[in-house]
Protein backbone atom coordinates (compact mmCIF):
# COMPACT_ATOMS: atom_id res chain seq x y z
CA MET A 1 44.95 -40.54 -65.81
CA PRO A 2 44.99 -37.37 -63.69
CA GLN A 3 41.88 -36.81 -61.61
CA ARG A 4 39.48 -33.96 -62.31
CA GLY A 5 40.76 -30.80 -60.70
CA THR A 6 44.38 -31.44 -61.75
CA MET A 7 45.90 -28.16 -62.96
CA LEU A 8 49.07 -26.98 -64.56
CA SER A 9 51.72 -26.08 -62.02
CA CYS A 10 51.16 -22.54 -60.72
CA SER A 11 54.90 -21.93 -60.61
CA ARG A 12 55.10 -22.31 -64.39
CA CYS A 13 51.69 -21.29 -65.71
CA HIS A 14 50.58 -17.75 -66.63
CA CYS A 15 47.35 -18.26 -64.74
CA CYS A 16 48.70 -18.19 -61.22
CA ASN A 17 46.77 -15.17 -60.04
CA ALA A 18 43.24 -16.39 -60.52
CA ALA A 19 40.81 -14.41 -58.37
CA SER A 20 38.70 -16.08 -55.73
CA SER A 21 35.14 -17.00 -56.69
CA GLY A 22 32.24 -14.63 -56.13
CA SER A 23 28.45 -14.82 -56.29
CA THR A 24 26.31 -16.81 -58.65
CA GLU A 25 23.55 -16.10 -61.15
CA TYR A 26 21.46 -18.87 -62.71
CA GLY A 27 23.73 -21.24 -60.77
CA ILE A 28 26.73 -19.89 -62.71
CA GLU A 29 29.84 -18.82 -60.88
CA GLN A 30 30.56 -15.10 -61.19
CA GLU A 31 33.96 -13.59 -60.50
CA PRO A 32 34.30 -10.35 -58.49
CA ASP A 33 35.80 -8.50 -61.48
CA ASP A 34 32.84 -9.57 -63.65
CA MET A 35 30.19 -7.73 -61.68
CA SER A 36 30.29 -4.42 -63.50
CA TYR A 37 29.55 -5.82 -66.93
CA HIS A 38 28.11 -9.35 -66.62
CA SER A 39 24.55 -8.25 -67.42
CA THR A 40 25.26 -8.39 -71.20
CA LEU A 41 25.23 -12.15 -71.04
CA THR A 42 22.54 -14.48 -69.68
CA GLY A 43 22.79 -17.98 -68.28
CA LEU A 44 22.12 -21.13 -70.33
CA ARG A 45 20.30 -23.79 -68.32
CA ASP A 46 19.18 -27.37 -68.90
CA PHE A 47 21.40 -28.08 -71.91
CA GLY A 48 21.96 -31.79 -71.28
CA THR A 49 23.66 -34.31 -68.98
CA ASP A 50 26.75 -32.06 -68.78
CA PRO A 51 29.38 -34.75 -68.13
CA GLY A 52 32.14 -32.14 -68.02
CA ALA A 53 30.42 -30.16 -65.23
CA LEU A 54 30.59 -26.89 -67.16
CA SER A 55 28.18 -23.99 -67.29
CA ALA A 56 27.52 -21.39 -69.99
CA ASN A 57 26.29 -17.96 -70.93
CA ILE A 58 24.67 -16.78 -74.16
CA TYR A 59 24.10 -13.55 -75.99
CA ILE A 60 21.24 -13.17 -78.49
CA PRO A 61 21.25 -9.65 -79.90
CA LYS A 62 18.15 -7.84 -81.04
CA SER A 63 19.59 -7.92 -84.58
CA TYR A 64 19.55 -11.76 -84.61
CA ARG A 65 17.15 -13.34 -87.13
CA ARG A 66 15.91 -16.89 -87.59
CA ASN A 67 18.50 -19.20 -89.25
CA GLY A 68 21.31 -16.90 -88.19
CA PRO A 69 24.85 -18.02 -87.30
CA LEU A 70 26.23 -19.08 -83.93
CA VAL A 71 29.72 -18.37 -82.60
CA VAL A 72 31.05 -20.39 -79.68
CA ALA A 73 33.73 -18.49 -77.72
CA LEU A 74 35.95 -20.23 -75.18
CA HIS A 75 37.70 -18.07 -72.59
CA GLY A 76 41.31 -18.51 -71.50
CA CYS A 77 42.83 -19.45 -68.18
CA ALA A 78 41.94 -17.08 -65.33
CA GLN A 79 39.25 -15.54 -67.52
CA SER A 80 35.45 -15.81 -67.61
CA PRO A 81 32.85 -15.45 -70.34
CA GLU A 82 32.23 -11.88 -69.18
CA SER A 83 35.87 -10.78 -69.21
CA TYR A 84 36.62 -12.54 -72.50
CA ASN A 85 33.59 -10.95 -74.12
CA LEU A 86 34.55 -7.49 -72.82
CA GLY A 87 38.11 -7.79 -74.13
CA SER A 88 37.33 -9.39 -77.45
CA GLY A 89 34.20 -7.41 -78.31
CA TRP A 90 32.23 -10.42 -79.61
CA SER A 91 28.88 -9.10 -78.32
CA ASP A 92 29.45 -5.77 -80.01
CA LEU A 93 30.16 -7.53 -83.28
CA ALA A 94 27.13 -9.76 -82.71
CA ASP A 95 24.98 -6.60 -82.60
CA GLU A 96 26.43 -5.57 -85.99
CA TYR A 97 26.28 -8.98 -87.67
CA GLY A 98 23.16 -10.44 -86.04
CA MET A 99 24.75 -13.59 -84.71
CA ALA A 100 24.09 -15.67 -81.60
CA LEU A 101 26.92 -16.20 -79.13
CA LEU A 102 27.65 -19.07 -76.71
CA PHE A 103 30.27 -18.73 -73.98
CA PRO A 104 31.03 -22.06 -72.22
CA ARG A 105 32.36 -21.47 -68.71
CA GLN A 106 34.95 -23.53 -66.86
CA ASN A 107 34.27 -23.95 -63.17
CA ARG A 108 36.73 -23.96 -60.33
CA LYS A 109 35.69 -27.39 -59.15
CA ASN A 110 37.12 -28.74 -62.46
CA ASN A 111 40.22 -26.55 -62.55
CA ALA A 112 41.24 -24.07 -59.91
CA LEU A 113 42.66 -21.73 -62.57
CA ARG A 114 39.54 -22.01 -64.74
CA SER A 115 41.52 -23.57 -67.60
CA PHE A 116 39.67 -25.92 -69.90
CA ASN A 117 41.16 -29.39 -69.40
CA TRP A 118 42.35 -29.89 -73.00
CA PHE A 119 45.30 -31.94 -71.75
CA LYS A 120 43.28 -34.73 -70.14
CA LEU A 121 42.30 -37.90 -71.92
CA GLY A 122 38.76 -37.74 -70.57
CA ASP A 123 38.31 -34.15 -71.72
CA SER A 124 39.86 -34.35 -75.16
CA ARG A 125 37.71 -36.83 -77.04
CA ARG A 126 34.32 -37.18 -78.58
CA GLY A 127 31.43 -38.32 -76.40
CA ALA A 128 32.90 -37.56 -73.01
CA GLY A 129 33.76 -34.87 -70.52
CA GLU A 130 34.04 -31.19 -71.37
CA PRO A 131 33.78 -31.65 -75.17
CA LEU A 132 30.46 -33.44 -74.84
CA SER A 133 29.16 -30.71 -72.48
CA ILE A 134 30.07 -28.05 -75.08
CA ARG A 135 28.43 -30.11 -77.86
CA GLN A 136 25.25 -30.32 -75.76
CA MET A 137 25.31 -26.56 -75.22
CA VAL A 138 25.60 -25.99 -79.00
CA GLY A 139 22.69 -28.30 -79.65
CA GLN A 140 20.51 -26.50 -77.12
CA VAL A 141 21.25 -23.03 -78.52
CA VAL A 142 20.71 -24.23 -82.10
CA ASP A 143 17.26 -25.62 -81.10
CA ASP A 144 16.26 -22.73 -78.82
CA HIS A 145 17.10 -19.97 -81.24
CA ASN A 146 16.63 -21.56 -84.68
CA VAL A 147 20.31 -21.34 -85.58
CA ASP A 148 21.35 -22.44 -89.06
CA PRO A 149 23.29 -25.68 -88.19
CA SER A 150 25.53 -25.13 -91.23
CA ARG A 151 26.76 -21.81 -89.74
CA VAL A 152 28.14 -22.79 -86.35
CA PHE A 153 31.67 -21.61 -85.61
CA ILE A 154 34.04 -21.86 -82.64
CA THR A 155 36.98 -19.87 -81.34
CA GLY A 156 39.02 -19.70 -78.14
CA LEU A 157 42.07 -18.21 -76.46
CA SER A 158 44.91 -20.08 -74.74
CA SER A 159 43.34 -23.07 -72.94
CA GLY A 160 40.15 -22.12 -74.80
CA GLY A 161 42.14 -22.19 -78.03
CA ALA A 162 43.44 -25.68 -77.21
CA MET A 163 39.89 -26.77 -76.41
CA THR A 164 38.77 -25.24 -79.72
CA ALA A 165 41.26 -27.60 -81.39
CA VAL A 166 39.66 -30.47 -79.46
CA MET A 167 36.15 -29.55 -80.57
CA LEU A 168 37.13 -29.17 -84.24
CA ALA A 169 38.71 -32.63 -84.26
CA ALA A 170 36.12 -34.36 -82.09
CA TYR A 171 33.01 -32.79 -83.68
CA PRO A 172 33.97 -31.64 -87.23
CA GLU A 173 30.39 -32.14 -88.46
CA VAL A 174 29.16 -29.46 -86.02
CA PHE A 175 31.45 -26.59 -87.03
CA ALA A 176 31.87 -24.79 -90.33
CA GLY A 177 35.05 -23.10 -89.08
CA GLY A 178 37.25 -22.55 -86.10
CA ALA A 179 39.82 -20.02 -84.84
CA ILE A 180 42.61 -21.01 -82.47
CA ILE A 181 44.27 -18.09 -80.64
CA ALA A 182 47.48 -18.76 -78.66
CA GLY A 183 46.50 -22.42 -78.54
CA LEU A 184 47.96 -25.84 -79.29
CA PRO A 185 47.28 -28.71 -81.71
CA TYR A 186 44.75 -31.39 -80.94
CA ARG A 187 46.04 -34.12 -78.57
CA THR A 188 49.60 -32.77 -78.53
CA ALA A 189 49.52 -33.51 -74.80
CA ILE A 190 47.49 -35.91 -72.60
CA THR A 191 49.02 -35.15 -69.17
CA PRO A 192 49.71 -31.91 -67.27
CA ILE A 193 53.47 -32.44 -67.55
CA GLN A 194 53.22 -33.01 -71.28
CA ALA A 195 51.11 -29.89 -71.55
CA LEU A 196 53.77 -27.77 -69.90
CA VAL A 197 56.46 -29.16 -72.21
CA ARG A 198 54.39 -28.64 -75.37
CA MET A 199 53.46 -25.10 -74.27
CA LYS A 200 57.17 -24.31 -74.27
CA GLY A 201 57.49 -25.65 -77.81
CA TYR A 202 59.36 -28.87 -77.03
CA GLY A 203 58.66 -32.28 -78.48
CA GLY A 204 55.22 -33.11 -79.84
CA PRO A 205 53.80 -35.55 -82.36
CA SER A 206 55.18 -35.87 -85.86
CA ASP A 207 53.24 -34.31 -88.73
CA ARG A 208 52.01 -37.75 -89.72
CA ARG A 209 50.84 -38.36 -86.17
CA LEU A 210 49.17 -34.92 -85.96
CA ASP A 211 47.14 -35.73 -89.05
CA ALA A 212 46.21 -39.17 -87.75
CA LEU A 213 45.06 -37.80 -84.40
CA VAL A 214 42.45 -35.57 -86.05
CA ARG A 215 41.29 -38.30 -88.47
CA GLY A 216 40.99 -40.75 -85.63
CA ALA A 217 38.96 -38.44 -83.40
CA SER A 218 35.74 -39.15 -85.30
CA ARG A 219 34.32 -41.05 -88.25
CA PHE A 220 33.81 -37.87 -90.21
CA ALA A 221 33.94 -38.04 -94.00
CA GLY A 222 32.52 -34.66 -95.03
CA SER A 223 33.88 -31.15 -95.61
CA TRP A 224 36.25 -30.24 -92.81
CA PRO A 225 36.03 -26.93 -90.88
CA THR A 226 38.14 -24.02 -92.08
CA ILE A 227 40.95 -23.08 -89.69
CA SER A 228 42.16 -19.62 -88.54
CA VAL A 229 45.34 -19.55 -86.42
CA TRP A 230 46.53 -16.55 -84.41
CA HIS A 231 49.66 -16.34 -82.22
CA GLY A 232 52.01 -13.78 -80.75
CA GLU A 233 55.52 -14.16 -82.05
CA SER A 234 56.88 -13.23 -78.61
CA ASP A 235 54.54 -15.50 -76.62
CA LYS A 236 56.52 -16.86 -73.64
CA THR A 237 53.61 -18.92 -72.29
CA VAL A 238 52.59 -20.93 -75.36
CA ASP A 239 55.45 -20.90 -77.85
CA SER A 240 54.52 -19.75 -81.35
CA SER A 241 55.86 -23.02 -82.78
CA ASN A 242 52.49 -24.41 -81.68
CA ALA A 243 50.79 -22.27 -84.31
CA GLU A 244 52.95 -23.82 -87.00
CA SER A 245 52.04 -27.27 -85.69
CA ILE A 246 48.31 -26.43 -85.81
CA VAL A 247 48.65 -25.42 -89.46
CA ARG A 248 50.55 -28.62 -90.30
CA GLN A 249 47.93 -30.70 -88.45
CA TRP A 250 45.22 -29.45 -90.81
CA GLN A 251 47.12 -29.05 -94.11
CA LYS A 252 46.95 -32.66 -95.27
CA ILE A 253 43.34 -32.94 -94.09
CA HIS A 254 42.47 -30.01 -96.33
CA GLY A 255 44.76 -31.14 -99.14
CA VAL A 256 46.84 -27.95 -99.09
CA LYS A 257 50.30 -29.15 -98.13
CA GLY A 258 53.44 -27.07 -98.51
CA ALA A 259 53.94 -23.34 -98.72
CA PRO A 260 51.06 -20.85 -98.43
CA THR A 261 49.00 -20.14 -101.54
CA ARG A 262 49.70 -16.48 -100.88
CA ILE A 263 50.97 -14.05 -98.23
CA GLU A 264 49.32 -10.67 -97.89
CA ASP A 265 49.48 -7.68 -95.55
CA VAL A 266 46.51 -7.08 -93.29
CA ASP A 267 46.66 -4.08 -90.91
CA GLY A 268 50.46 -4.24 -91.04
CA PHE A 269 50.74 -7.96 -90.27
CA PRO A 270 51.44 -10.88 -92.62
CA ARG A 271 48.51 -13.17 -93.33
CA ARG A 272 49.42 -16.58 -94.74
CA VAL A 273 46.61 -18.31 -96.68
CA TRP A 274 46.24 -21.85 -97.95
CA ALA A 275 43.49 -22.19 -100.55
CA ASP A 276 42.25 -25.03 -102.69
CA ALA A 277 42.33 -25.22 -106.49
CA ASP A 278 39.10 -23.21 -106.68
CA GLY A 279 40.51 -20.42 -104.55
CA ARG A 280 38.51 -21.26 -101.40
CA GLU A 281 40.49 -20.24 -98.36
CA LEU A 282 40.80 -23.21 -96.01
CA ILE A 283 43.54 -22.18 -93.56
CA GLU A 284 44.84 -18.79 -92.53
CA GLU A 285 47.62 -17.94 -90.10
CA PHE A 286 48.58 -14.64 -88.38
CA ILE A 287 51.83 -14.49 -86.41
CA ILE A 288 51.75 -11.09 -84.70
CA GLY A 289 55.25 -9.65 -84.40
CA GLY A 290 56.22 -8.35 -80.96
CA MET A 291 53.07 -9.65 -79.31
CA GLY A 292 53.08 -11.82 -76.20
CA HIS A 293 50.43 -14.26 -74.86
CA GLY A 294 46.90 -13.16 -75.60
CA ALA A 295 44.32 -12.18 -78.20
CA PRO A 296 45.18 -9.36 -80.62
CA ILE A 297 42.64 -6.53 -80.50
CA ARG A 298 42.12 -3.08 -81.98
CA ALA A 299 39.84 -1.24 -79.63
CA GLY A 300 39.94 2.22 -81.24
CA GLY A 301 38.67 3.55 -84.52
CA GLU A 302 35.42 3.23 -86.42
CA GLU A 303 35.63 -0.57 -86.57
CA GLY A 304 37.29 -1.07 -83.20
CA LEU A 305 36.18 -3.82 -80.89
CA GLY A 306 36.88 -4.86 -77.33
CA GLU A 307 38.90 -3.41 -74.52
CA GLU A 308 42.56 -3.84 -73.64
CA GLY A 309 43.16 -5.89 -70.53
CA LYS A 310 44.79 -9.05 -69.21
CA PHE A 311 45.55 -11.30 -72.19
CA MET A 312 43.63 -8.90 -74.43
CA LEU A 313 46.44 -7.09 -76.23
CA GLU A 314 46.12 -3.85 -78.16
CA VAL A 315 48.27 -4.32 -81.23
CA GLY A 316 46.24 -2.54 -83.94
CA ILE A 317 44.46 -5.56 -85.46
CA SER A 318 41.16 -7.05 -84.33
CA SER A 319 41.33 -10.86 -84.37
CA THR A 320 37.59 -10.88 -83.58
CA ARG A 321 36.55 -8.90 -86.68
CA HIS A 322 38.99 -10.66 -89.01
CA ILE A 323 37.96 -14.10 -87.80
CA ALA A 324 34.28 -13.29 -88.46
CA ASP A 325 35.21 -12.01 -91.92
CA PHE A 326 37.18 -15.19 -92.64
CA TRP A 327 34.08 -17.20 -91.76
CA GLY A 328 32.01 -15.13 -94.19
CA LEU A 329 29.93 -13.42 -91.50
CA ARG A 330 28.70 -9.98 -92.53
CA ARG A 331 26.53 -7.13 -91.32
CA ASN A 332 22.74 -7.73 -91.54
């Protein structure tokens, strides 16, 4: 198994230009480009044994009320909680909706490009490594801020999206729903070389194996998390075929095999929905035509969120707002 600190080859990964590390606050590494806006978030300390050697930030808006929801947001490679929050607009939406936010942070000592290590055996299973650290963070925030444990959700971009897939499979009892943006299916790769191959859309487990990987990740026998999948059709870093594989990985688990229940237009983009016999939406998929690698945002307008930047792509649809709506989160 690769040692901690192994990273995807810089010559082939989109994260080659990671900035050098800067100062710290609450023992949390801050990047130079974070300094102008990091004050929105505060550090989370003493959340457990932290076997994955991660750190974290939180945001608890004034609009938050007891038994409110929690959203866990995982940044992408070469990003930080601050830059991901700025681009996605999660804290602005938290002000509107009254929800708590948790931003796990990858540290350079784990991965020089600040990618979550979703492709390592020790960091892609229940009860160990980075997934256990994130689970401990969730437990601490739930206890500290009286979060409704039935309304905990998780999302992430790129390596954060792939780690979101890990968390949904490894800890399905913790999350009511998840959203994977430009990510990959759970356990599609367990080495850096495999990860590079899968990112390009080559190979990968069969549909039967994809289903078995999720079922074998825990002993869960309850109601599975709902799944939202977002991907750029022109993504050259993580091929969009991975989005299709994510959907297939969860279809049998949710009992919604085959074609979508319906396809509808949302802000000019097709939304594919798989619903159960009662009409409950269990899986949704957005493939954004013409978009490359990143999170789709709509910064302008009355309901705009976020700010265009590296891997935060202005395409006229806010994945942040639509994901929250899919989860049933609403204004206070």
